[in-house]
């Protein structure tokens, strides 16, 4: 007499289906081929298992993964012949170590390029910004440590008493899908972080996404960074910091500029700039209410 058992698929079928459609395991296995042939489970399949767990409304530590997947239809979610006991902390640890050694940011960029292409997103512009994430506990770093340092810095989540890590993120402008991410030490400032990304990654991002504009806040606007953008023939949109001498001079001579009326009480005027020895167009924007207050004074 045949025996039957039931396992909960829940919403994980949708997650697994998208994993397959985007070819996540295949892309990772191409980048990390050492765990493919003749192995019980590949690195790509282990990453899919971590995605399923992370989006499963239950955050389980690595040694609890077999228990989590024991009640799930693993073969249907991940692949034929896969068993819950294959997804253990030893296999997951080796996978994470290999991803780190190979370069998580580079692998993620390859995945994101595939997703953008698969979804047919135009990617006319890409947006760079950073955030900080606080962590608990004490961390002791050696001077020659190559990993990011969990230290105190400018806290965007309002926990200045805790150590933190900084996450630099580039998204495409249509759906907001991240196309590049990079973790950085908690005390790095945006000027340095953005400069590093522009110098080392803009060319590959431009080739992968074919984006026309690179967009970021005033932290992008340093002479060295915009020179690097210009050398790579990458158009950019940013805000020139008001502390710059050239910006102060432009504001001082605003009465000589040809302002055009915009919506909602704003007006703007174009002017030329060669800050950093890079030819640019600046747009100076003025709010009518602010101008009236200034005249009243």
C-alpha atoms as a PDB file:
ATOM      1  CA  UNK A   1       0.000   0.000   0.000  1.00  0.00           C
ATOM      2  CA  UNK A   2       1.459   3.329  -1.095  1.00  0.00           C
ATOM      3  CA  UNK A   3       2.214   5.943   1.571  1.00  0.00           C
ATOM      4  CA  UNK A   4       1.742   9.631   1.097  1.00  0.00           C
ATOM      5  CA  UNK A   5       3.059  12.713   2.841  1.00  0.00           C
ATOM      6  CA  UNK A   6       2.393  16.420   2.500  1.00  0.00           C
ATOM      7  CA  UNK A   7       4.881  19.271   2.478  1.00  0.00           C
ATOM      8  CA  UNK A   8       4.208  23.003   2.559  1.00  0.00           C
ATOM      9  CA  UNK A   9       4.999  24.854  -0.664  1.00  0.00           C
ATOM     10  CA  UNK A  10       3.351  28.144   0.350  1.00  0.00           C
ATOM     11  CA  UNK A  11       4.699  31.179  -1.539  1.00  0.00           C
ATOM     12  CA  UNK A  12       8.100  29.561  -2.064  1.00  0.00           C
ATOM     13  CA  UNK A  13       6.952  28.125  -5.380  1.00  0.00           C
ATOM     14  CA  UNK A  14       6.838  31.671  -6.766  1.00  0.00           C
ATOM     15  CA  UNK A  15      10.324  32.424  -5.416  1.00  0.00           C
ATOM     16  CA  UNK A  16      11.734  29.156  -6.796  1.00  0.00           C
ATOM     17  CA  UNK A  17      10.028  29.783 -10.137  1.00  0.00           C
ATOM     18  CA  UNK A  18      11.677  33.195 -10.437  1.00  0.00           C
ATOM     19  CA  UNK A  19      15.038  31.680  -9.456  1.00  0.00           C
ATOM     20  CA  UNK A  20      14.704  29.223 -12.346  1.00  0.00           C
ATOM     21  CA  UNK A  21      13.446  31.842 -14.789  1.00  0.00           C
ATOM     22  CA  UNK A  22      16.376  34.137 -14.067  1.00  0.00           C
ATOM     23  CA  UNK A  23      18.861  31.246 -14.098  1.00  0.00           C
ATOM     24  CA  UNK A  24      20.445  32.226 -10.783  1.00  0.00           C
ATOM     25  CA  UNK A  25      21.935  28.798 -10.003  1.00  0.00           C
ATOM     26  CA  UNK A  26      23.264  28.423 -13.543  1.00  0.00           C
ATOM     27  CA  UNK A  27      25.028  31.814 -13.478  1.00  0.00           C
ATOM     28  CA  UNK A  28      26.641  31.102 -10.100  1.00  0.00           C
ATOM     29  CA  UNK A  29      27.725  27.614 -11.137  1.00  0.00           C
ATOM     30  CA  UNK A  30      29.397  29.102 -14.229  1.00  0.00           C
ATOM     31  CA  UNK A  31      31.314  31.490 -11.975  1.00  0.00           C
ATOM     32  CA  UNK A  32      32.082  28.756  -9.393  1.00  0.00           C
ATOM     33  CA  UNK A  33      32.343  25.497 -11.382  1.00  0.00           C
ATOM     34  CA  UNK A  34      34.202  23.515  -8.725  1.00  0.00           C
ATOM     35  CA  UNK A  35      31.029  22.378  -6.942  1.00  0.00           C
ATOM     36  CA  UNK A  36      29.021  21.213  -9.958  1.00  0.00           C
ATOM     37  CA  UNK A  37      29.831  17.861 -11.538  1.00  0.00           C
ATOM     38  CA  UNK A  38      29.639  14.830  -9.289  1.00  0.00           C
ATOM     39  CA  UNK A  39      28.534  16.798  -6.232  1.00  0.00           C
ATOM     40  CA  UNK A  40      25.354  16.246  -4.239  1.00  0.00           C
ATOM     41  CA  UNK A  41      24.439  19.944  -4.491  1.00  0.00           C
ATOM     42  CA  UNK A  42      26.056  22.835  -6.370  1.00  0.00           C
ATOM     43  CA  UNK A  43      26.980  26.279  -5.092  1.00  0.00           C
ATOM     44  CA  UNK A  44      24.248  27.776  -7.267  1.00  0.00           C
ATOM     45  CA  UNK A  45      21.643  25.501  -5.710  1.00  0.00           C
ATOM     46  CA  UNK A  46      22.912  26.395  -2.231  1.00  0.00           C
ATOM     47  CA  UNK A  47      22.469  30.091  -3.044  1.00  0.00           C
ATOM     48  CA  UNK A  48      18.920  29.358  -4.212  1.00  0.00           C
ATOM     49  CA  UNK A  49      18.324  27.586  -0.888  1.00  0.00           C
ATOM     50  CA  UNK A  50      19.520  30.687   0.990  1.00  0.00           C
ATOM     51  CA  UNK A  51      17.200  32.872  -1.096  1.00  0.00           C
ATOM     52  CA  UNK A  52      14.272  30.592  -0.297  1.00  0.00           C
ATOM     53  CA  UNK A  53      15.088  30.678   3.390  1.00  0.00           C
ATOM     54  CA  UNK A  54      15.601  34.437   3.385  1.00  0.00           C
ATOM     55  CA  UNK A  55      12.262  35.030   1.648  1.00  0.00           C
ATOM     56  CA  UNK A  56      10.490  32.333   3.626  1.00  0.00           C
ATOM     57  CA  UNK A  57       9.321  34.655   6.417  1.00  0.00           C
ATOM     58  CA  UNK A  58      11.585  32.663   8.767  1.00  0.00           C
ATOM     59  CA  UNK A  59      15.220  33.612   9.322  1.00  0.00           C
ATOM     60  CA  UNK A  60      17.103  30.432  10.212  1.00  0.00           C
ATOM     61  CA  UNK A  61      20.792  30.161  11.138  1.00  0.00           C
ATOM     62  CA  UNK A  62      22.925  27.930   8.926  1.00  0.00           C
ATOM     63  CA  UNK A  63      22.808  24.824  11.128  1.00  0.00           C
ATOM     64  CA  UNK A  64      18.987  24.969  11.142  1.00  0.00           C
ATOM     65  CA  UNK A  65      18.637  24.826   7.342  1.00  0.00           C
ATOM     66  CA  UNK A  66      18.115  21.022   7.161  1.00  0.00           C
ATOM     67  CA  UNK A  67      15.258  21.323   9.644  1.00  0.00           C
ATOM     68  CA  UNK A  68      13.736  24.201   7.682  1.00  0.00           C
ATOM     69  CA  UNK A  69      13.828  22.338   4.369  1.00  0.00           C
ATOM     70  CA  UNK A  70      12.728  19.033   5.886  1.00  0.00           C
ATOM     71  CA  UNK A  71       9.129  20.228   5.698  1.00  0.00           C
ATOM     72  CA  UNK A  72       9.515  21.626   2.159  1.00  0.00           C
ATOM     73  CA  UNK A  73       9.324  19.891  -1.253  1.00  0.00           C
ATOM     74  CA  UNK A  74      13.043  20.409  -1.856  1.00  0.00           C
ATOM     75  CA  UNK A  75      13.255  18.618  -5.211  1.00  0.00           C
ATOM     76  CA  UNK A  76      10.484  20.749  -6.628  1.00  0.00           C
ATOM     77  CA  UNK A  77      11.950  23.978  -5.217  1.00  0.00           C
ATOM     78  CA  UNK A  78      15.654  23.464  -5.945  1.00  0.00           C
ATOM     79  CA  UNK A  79      16.274  20.465  -8.179  1.00  0.00           C
ATOM     80  CA  UNK A  80      15.867  16.762  -8.769  1.00  0.00           C
ATOM     81  CA  UNK A  81      17.751  14.559  -6.317  1.00  0.00           C
ATOM     82  CA  UNK A  82      18.305  17.337  -3.774  1.00  0.00           C
ATOM     83  CA  UNK A  83      17.606  16.389  -0.149  1.00  0.00           C
ATOM     84  CA  UNK A  84      17.208  18.606   2.893  1.00  0.00           C
ATOM     85  CA  UNK A  85      20.278  17.134   4.585  1.00  0.00           C
ATOM     86  CA  UNK A  86      22.486  18.303   1.692  1.00  0.00           C
ATOM     87  CA  UNK A  87      21.729  21.924   2.688  1.00  0.00           C
ATOM     88  CA  UNK A  88      23.780  21.883   5.888  1.00  0.00           C
ATOM     89  CA  UNK A  89      26.031  24.414   7.579  1.00  0.00           C
ATOM     90  CA  UNK A  90      29.229  22.835   6.225  1.00  0.00           C
ATOM     91  CA  UNK A  91      28.063  23.103   2.602  1.00  0.00           C
ATOM     92  CA  UNK A  92      26.625  26.585   3.134  1.00  0.00           C
ATOM     93  CA  UNK A  93      29.811  27.771   4.863  1.00  0.00           C
ATOM     94  CA  UNK A  94      31.989  26.536   1.995  1.00  0.00           C
ATOM     95  CA  UNK A  95      29.654  28.246  -0.456  1.00  0.00           C
ATOM     96  CA  UNK A  96      29.839  31.589   1.366  1.00  0.00           C
ATOM     97  CA  UNK A  97      33.643  31.341   1.633  1.00  0.00           C
ATOM     98  CA  UNK A  98      33.935  30.650  -2.099  1.00  0.00           C
ATOM     99  CA  UNK A  99      31.640  33.553  -2.963  1.00  0.00           C
ATOM    100  CA  UNK A 100      33.774  35.857  -0.827  1.00  0.00           C
ATOM    101  CA  UNK A 101      37.030  34.634  -2.384  1.00  0.00           C
ATOM    102  CA  UNK A 102      35.664  35.079  -5.907  1.00  0.00           C
ATOM    103  CA  UNK A 103      34.139  38.495  -5.227  1.00  0.00           C
ATOM    104  CA  UNK A 104      30.526  38.897  -4.122  1.00  0.00           C
ATOM    105  CA  UNK A 105      30.095  42.296  -5.797  1.00  0.00           C
ATOM    106  CA  UNK A 106      31.342  41.027  -9.173  1.00  0.00           C
ATOM    107  CA  UNK A 107      29.082  37.956  -9.083  1.00  0.00           C
ATOM    108  CA  UNK A 108      26.134  40.109  -8.053  1.00  0.00           C
ATOM    109  CA  UNK A 109      26.809  42.461 -10.963  1.00  0.00           C
ATOM    110  CA  UNK A 110      26.726  39.503 -13.375  1.00  0.00           C
ATOM    111  CA  UNK A 111      23.403  38.369 -11.890  1.00  0.00           C
ATOM    112  CA  UNK A 112      21.880  41.842 -12.035  1.00  0.00           C
ATOM    113  CA  UNK A 113      22.909  42.340 -15.662  1.00  0.00           C
ATOM    114  CA  UNK A 114      21.112  39.103 -16.527  1.00  0.00           C
ATOM    115  CA  UNK A 115      17.992  40.208 -14.633  1.00  0.00           C
ATOM    116  CA  UNK A 116      17.899  43.630 -16.317  1.00  0.00           C
ATOM    117  CA  UNK A 117      18.256  41.993 -19.734  1.00  0.00           C
ATOM    118  CA  UNK A 118      15.650  39.320 -18.970  1.00  0.00           C
ATOM    119  CA  UNK A 119      13.082  41.897 -17.817  1.00  0.00           C
ATOM    120  CA  UNK A 120      13.802  44.189 -20.753  1.00  0.00           C
ATOM    121  CA  UNK A 121      14.494  47.256 -18.601  1.00  0.00           C
ATOM    122  CA  UNK A 122      15.816  50.269 -20.560  1.00  0.00           C
ATOM    123  CA  UNK A 123      18.280  51.304 -17.835  1.00  0.00           C
ATOM    124  CA  UNK A 124      18.604  54.856 -19.205  1.00  0.00           C
ATOM    125  CA  UNK A 125      20.173  55.956 -15.932  1.00  0.00           C
ATOM    126  CA  UNK A 126      21.677  54.328 -12.875  1.00  0.00           C
ATOM    127  CA  UNK A 127      21.545  55.815  -9.375  1.00  0.00           C
ATOM    128  CA  UNK A 128      24.255  55.542  -6.720  1.00  0.00           C
ATOM    129  CA  UNK A 129      23.681  56.070  -3.006  1.00  0.00           C
ATOM    130  CA  UNK A 130      24.855  54.645   0.291  1.00  0.00           C
ATOM    131  CA  UNK A 131      23.385  53.717   3.639  1.00  0.00           C
ATOM    132  CA  UNK A 132      24.710  52.413   6.949  1.00  0.00           C
ATOM    133  CA  UNK A 133      23.521  49.385   8.903  1.00  0.00           C
ATOM    134  CA  UNK A 134      24.349  49.064  12.585  1.00  0.00           C
ATOM    135  CA  UNK A 135      25.505  45.791  14.125  1.00  0.00           C
ATOM    136  CA  UNK A 136      25.632  44.501  17.695  1.00  0.00           C
ATOM    137  CA  UNK A 137      28.634  43.090  19.528  1.00  0.00           C
ATOM    138  CA  UNK A 138      32.332  43.848  19.774  1.00  0.00           C
ATOM    139  CA  UNK A 139      34.707  43.325  16.861  1.00  0.00           C
ATOM    140  CA  UNK A 140      38.501  43.277  16.958  1.00  0.00           C
ATOM    141  CA  UNK A 141      40.212  43.830  13.601  1.00  0.00           C
ATOM    142  CA  UNK A 142      43.841  43.275  12.733  1.00  0.00           C
ATOM    143  CA  UNK A 143      45.602  46.018  10.807  1.00  0.00           C
ATOM    144  CA  UNK A 144      46.176  43.764   7.771  1.00  0.00           C
ATOM    145  CA  UNK A 145      42.584  42.548   7.666  1.00  0.00           C
ATOM    146  CA  UNK A 146      41.211  42.842   4.118  1.00  0.00           C
ATOM    147  CA  UNK A 147      37.578  42.480   5.148  1.00  0.00           C
ATOM    148  CA  UNK A 148      35.336  45.465   5.812  1.00  0.00           C
ATOM    149  CA  UNK A 149      35.693  46.847   9.328  1.00  0.00           C
ATOM    150  CA  UNK A 150      32.699  47.061  11.630  1.00  0.00           C
ATOM    151  CA  UNK A 151      33.441  50.359  13.337  1.00  0.00           C
ATOM    152  CA  UNK A 152      31.627  53.530  14.301  1.00  0.00           C
ATOM    153  CA  UNK A 153      30.907  56.182  11.713  1.00  0.00           C
ATOM    154  CA  UNK A 154      28.176  58.523  10.542  1.00  0.00           C
ATOM    155  CA  UNK A 155      25.016  56.617  11.473  1.00  0.00           C
ATOM    156  CA  UNK A 156      22.102  57.002   9.083  1.00  0.00           C
ATOM    157  CA  UNK A 157      19.882  54.748  11.195  1.00  0.00           C
ATOM    158  CA  UNK A 158      20.414  56.931  14.287  1.00  0.00           C
ATOM    159  CA  UNK A 159      22.488  54.477  16.351  1.00  0.00           C
ATOM    160  CA  UNK A 160      25.804  56.348  16.653  1.00  0.00           C
ATOM    161  CA  UNK A 161      26.835  54.334  19.731  1.00  0.00           C
ATOM    162  CA  UNK A 162      27.019  51.071  17.722  1.00  0.00           C
ATOM    163  CA  UNK A 163      29.462  49.775  15.147  1.00  0.00           C
ATOM    164  CA  UNK A 164      28.218  49.721  11.596  1.00  0.00           C
ATOM    165  CA  UNK A 165      28.863  48.682   8.003  1.00  0.00           C
ATOM    166  CA  UNK A 166      28.238  50.876   4.950  1.00  0.00           C
ATOM    167  CA  UNK A 167      26.427  49.571   1.881  1.00  0.00           C
ATOM    168  CA  UNK A 168      26.968  51.309  -1.467  1.00  0.00           C
ATOM    169  CA  UNK A 169      24.162  50.516  -3.869  1.00  0.00           C
ATOM    170  CA  UNK A 170      23.566  51.290  -7.556  1.00  0.00           C
ATOM    171  CA  UNK A 171      20.049  50.827  -8.924  1.00  0.00           C
ATOM    172  CA  UNK A 172      18.567  51.124 -12.398  1.00  0.00           C
ATOM    173  CA  UNK A 173      16.060  53.938 -12.802  1.00  0.00           C
ATOM    174  CA  UNK A 174      12.977  52.106 -14.116  1.00  0.00           C
ATOM    175  CA  UNK A 175      12.148  49.489 -11.470  1.00  0.00           C
ATOM    176  CA  UNK A 176      14.763  50.347  -8.843  1.00  0.00           C
ATOM    177  CA  UNK A 177      16.464  46.956  -9.174  1.00  0.00           C
ATOM    178  CA  UNK A 178      19.984  46.970  -7.670  1.00  0.00           C
ATOM    179  CA  UNK A 179      22.601  46.400 -10.379  1.00  0.00           C
ATOM    180  CA  UNK A 180      25.646  46.675  -8.117  1.00  0.00           C
ATOM    181  CA  UNK A 181      26.291  46.564  -4.389  1.00  0.00           C
ATOM    182  CA  UNK A 182      29.423  46.803  -2.314  1.00  0.00           C
ATOM    183  CA  UNK A 183      29.950  46.618   1.433  1.00  0.00           C
ATOM    184  CA  UNK A 184      32.430  49.054   2.951  1.00  0.00           C
ATOM    185  CA  UNK A 185      33.890  49.769   6.370  1.00  0.00           C
ATOM    186  CA  UNK A 186      31.635  51.637   8.755  1.00  0.00           C
ATOM    187  CA  UNK A 187      33.799  54.760   8.891  1.00  0.00           C
ATOM    188  CA  UNK A 188      34.234  55.350   5.145  1.00  0.00           C
ATOM    189  CA  UNK A 189      32.817  58.617   3.801  1.00  0.00           C
ATOM    190  CA  UNK A 190      30.721  58.811   0.654  1.00  0.00           C
ATOM    191  CA  UNK A 191      33.296  60.875  -1.263  1.00  0.00           C
ATOM    192  CA  UNK A 192      35.874  58.092  -0.976  1.00  0.00           C
ATOM    193  CA  UNK A 193      33.382  55.287  -1.509  1.00  0.00           C
ATOM    194  CA  UNK A 194      31.876  56.865  -4.624  1.00  0.00           C
ATOM    195  CA  UNK A 195      35.317  57.682  -6.041  1.00  0.00           C
ATOM    196  CA  UNK A 196      36.379  54.032  -5.711  1.00  0.00           C
ATOM    197  CA  UNK A 197      33.232  52.758  -7.445  1.00  0.00           C
ATOM    198  CA  UNK A 198      33.567  55.234 -10.315  1.00  0.00           C
ATOM    199  CA  UNK A 199      37.241  54.411 -10.832  1.00  0.00           C
ATOM    200  CA  UNK A 200      36.941  50.634 -10.729  1.00  0.00           C
ATOM    201  CA  UNK A 201      33.406  49.703 -11.777  1.00  0.00           C
ATOM    202  CA  UNK A 202      31.764  52.337 -13.986  1.00  0.00           C
ATOM    203  CA  UNK A 203      33.238  50.956 -17.207  1.00  0.00           C
ATOM    204  CA  UNK A 204      31.890  47.448 -16.556  1.00  0.00           C
ATOM    205  CA  UNK A 205      28.511  48.811 -15.466  1.00  0.00           C
ATOM    206  CA  UNK A 206      28.320  50.954 -18.580  1.00  0.00           C
ATOM    207  CA  UNK A 207      29.119  47.944 -20.754  1.00  0.00           C
ATOM    208  CA  UNK A 208      26.573  45.721 -18.985  1.00  0.00           C
ATOM    209  CA  UNK A 209      23.640  48.141 -18.666  1.00  0.00           C
ATOM    210  CA  UNK A 210      24.469  50.604 -21.464  1.00  0.00           C
ATOM    211  CA  UNK A 211      23.112  53.407 -19.283  1.00  0.00           C
ATOM    212  CA  UNK A 212      23.314  56.987 -20.502  1.00  0.00           C
ATOM    213  CA  UNK A 213      23.409  58.819 -17.165  1.00  0.00           C
ATOM    214  CA  UNK A 214      25.109  58.139 -13.846  1.00  0.00           C
ATOM    215  CA  UNK A 215      23.214  59.871 -11.022  1.00  0.00           C
ATOM    216  CA  UNK A 216      24.299  60.528  -7.439  1.00  0.00           C
ATOM    217  CA  UNK A 217      24.168  63.190  -4.736  1.00  0.00           C
ATOM    218  CA  UNK A 218      26.802  65.849  -3.959  1.00  0.00           C
ATOM    219  CA  UNK A 219      29.231  63.239  -2.580  1.00  0.00           C
ATOM    220  CA  UNK A 220      29.956  62.332  -6.201  1.00  0.00           C
ATOM    221  CA  UNK A 221      30.979  65.876  -7.046  1.00  0.00           C
ATOM    222  CA  UNK A 222      34.714  66.044  -6.446  1.00  0.00           C
ATOM    223  CA  UNK A 223      37.279  67.053  -9.043  1.00  0.00           C
ATOM    224  CA  UNK A 224      38.960  63.634  -9.076  1.00  0.00           C
ATOM    225  CA  UNK A 225      35.701  61.714  -9.432  1.00  0.00           C
ATOM    226  CA  UNK A 226      34.213  63.788 -12.236  1.00  0.00           C
ATOM    227  CA  UNK A 227      37.545  63.656 -14.071  1.00  0.00           C
ATOM    228  CA  UNK A 228      37.345  59.849 -13.881  1.00  0.00           C
ATOM    229  CA  UNK A 229      33.783  59.951 -15.212  1.00  0.00           C
ATOM    230  CA  UNK A 230      34.870  62.190 -18.064  1.00  0.00           C
ATOM    231  CA  UNK A 231      37.780  59.904 -18.962  1.00  0.00           C
ATOM    232  CA  UNK A 232      35.337  56.994 -19.187  1.00  0.00           C
ATOM    233  CA  UNK A 233      32.947  59.113 -21.315  1.00  0.00           C
ATOM    234  CA  UNK A 234      30.185  58.661 -18.765  1.00  0.00           C
ATOM    235  CA  UNK A 235      27.595  61.438 -18.553  1.00  0.00           C
ATOM    236  CA  UNK A 236      26.526  62.219 -14.992  1.00  0.00           C
ATOM    237  CA  UNK A 237      23.940  64.183 -13.031  1.00  0.00           C
ATOM    238  CA  UNK A 238      24.767  65.434  -9.551  1.00  0.00           C
ATOM    239  CA  UNK A 239      24.550  68.473  -7.280  1.00  0.00           C
ATOM    240  CA  UNK A 240      27.503  70.805  -6.955  1.00  0.00           C
ATOM    241  CA  UNK A 241      28.139  71.468  -3.235  1.00  0.00           C
ATOM    242  CA  UNK A 242      27.412  75.048  -2.213  1.00  0.00           C
ATOM    243  CA  UNK A 243      30.736  75.218  -0.354  1.00  0.00           C
ATOM    244  CA  UNK A 244      32.630  75.302  -3.669  1.00  0.00           C
ATOM    245  CA  UNK A 245      34.051  78.689  -4.650  1.00  0.00           C
ATOM    246  CA  UNK A 246      32.623  78.391  -8.182  1.00  0.00           C
ATOM    247  CA  UNK A 247      29.134  77.714  -6.828  1.00  0.00           C
ATOM    248  CA  UNK A 248      29.293  80.716  -4.507  1.00  0.00           C
ATOM    249  CA  UNK A 249      30.393  82.884  -7.440  1.00  0.00           C
ATOM    250  CA  UNK A 250      27.506  81.613  -9.586  1.00  0.00           C
ATOM    251  CA  UNK A 251      25.000  82.444  -6.858  1.00  0.00           C
ATOM    252  CA  UNK A 252      26.556  85.895  -6.373  1.00  0.00           C
ATOM    253  CA  UNK A 253      25.993  86.781 -10.044  1.00  0.00           C
ATOM    254  CA  UNK A 254      22.549  85.243 -10.393  1.00  0.00           C
ATOM    255  CA  UNK A 255      21.028  88.634 -11.240  1.00  0.00           C
ATOM    256  CA  UNK A 256      22.965  88.595 -14.504  1.00  0.00           C
ATOM    257  CA  UNK A 257      21.598  85.193 -15.559  1.00  0.00           C
ATOM    258  CA  UNK A 258      18.588  84.492 -17.768  1.00  0.00           C
ATOM    259  CA  UNK A 259      16.109  82.690 -15.492  1.00  0.00           C
ATOM    260  CA  UNK A 260      13.184  80.798 -17.021  1.00  0.00           C
ATOM    261  CA  UNK A 261       9.972  80.194 -15.086  1.00  0.00           C
ATOM    262  CA  UNK A 262       9.273  76.613 -13.999  1.00  0.00           C
ATOM    263  CA  UNK A 263       6.271  75.080 -12.229  1.00  0.00           C
ATOM    264  CA  UNK A 264       5.353  75.492  -8.534  1.00  0.00           C
ATOM    265  CA  UNK A 265       7.027  78.858  -8.077  1.00  0.00           C
ATOM    266  CA  UNK A 266      10.520  77.890  -9.240  1.00  0.00           C
ATOM    267  CA  UNK A 267      12.758  79.374 -11.919  1.00  0.00           C
ATOM    268  CA  UNK A 268      16.084  78.227 -13.327  1.00  0.00           C
ATOM    269  CA  UNK A 269      19.012  79.365 -15.421  1.00  0.00           C
ATOM    270  CA  UNK A 270      21.721  77.426 -17.274  1.00  0.00           C
ATOM    271  CA  UNK A 271      25.388  78.338 -17.007  1.00  0.00           C
ATOM    272  CA  UNK A 272      28.665  76.815 -18.146  1.00  0.00           C
ATOM    273  CA  UNK A 273      31.350  75.417 -15.830  1.00  0.00           C
ATOM    274  CA  UNK A 274      34.764  73.781 -16.192  1.00  0.00           C
ATOM    275  CA  UNK A 275      35.200  72.686 -12.577  1.00  0.00           C
ATOM    276  CA  UNK A 276      37.825  69.945 -12.366  1.00  0.00           C
ATOM    277  CA  UNK A 277      38.813  70.825 -15.952  1.00  0.00           C
ATOM    278  CA  UNK A 278      35.679  69.018 -17.140  1.00  0.00           C
ATOM    279  CA  UNK A 279      33.211  70.869 -19.347  1.00  0.00           C
ATOM    280  CA  UNK A 280      29.762  70.878 -17.711  1.00  0.00           C
ATOM    281  CA  UNK A 281      26.383  72.569 -17.691  1.00  0.00           C
ATOM    282  CA  UNK A 282      25.053  73.743 -14.353  1.00  0.00           C
ATOM    283  CA  UNK A 283      21.413  74.495 -13.620  1.00  0.00           C
ATOM    284  CA  UNK A 284      20.878  77.151 -10.968  1.00  0.00           C
ATOM    285  CA  UNK A 285      17.401  76.895  -9.429  1.00  0.00           C
ATOM    286  CA  UNK A 286      15.679  79.610  -7.419  1.00  0.00           C
ATOM    287  CA  UNK A 287      12.423  79.500  -5.487  1.00  0.00           C
ATOM    288  CA  UNK A 288      10.255  82.600  -5.816  1.00  0.00           C
ATOM    289  CA  UNK A 289       9.214  82.617  -2.155  1.00  0.00           C
ATOM    290  CA  UNK A 290      12.861  82.529  -1.068  1.00  0.00           C
ATOM    291  CA  UNK A 291      13.695  85.378  -3.439  1.00  0.00           C
ATOM    292  CA  UNK A 292      10.871  87.499  -2.052  1.00  0.00           C
ATOM    293  CA  UNK A 293      12.050  86.891   1.508  1.00  0.00           C
ATOM    294  CA  UNK A 294      15.563  87.910   0.508  1.00  0.00           C
ATOM    295  CA  UNK A 295      14.267  91.130  -1.091  1.00  0.00           C
ATOM    296  CA  UNK A 296      12.223  91.935   2.038  1.00  0.00           C
ATOM    297  CA  UNK A 297      15.360  91.737   4.166  1.00  0.00           C
END
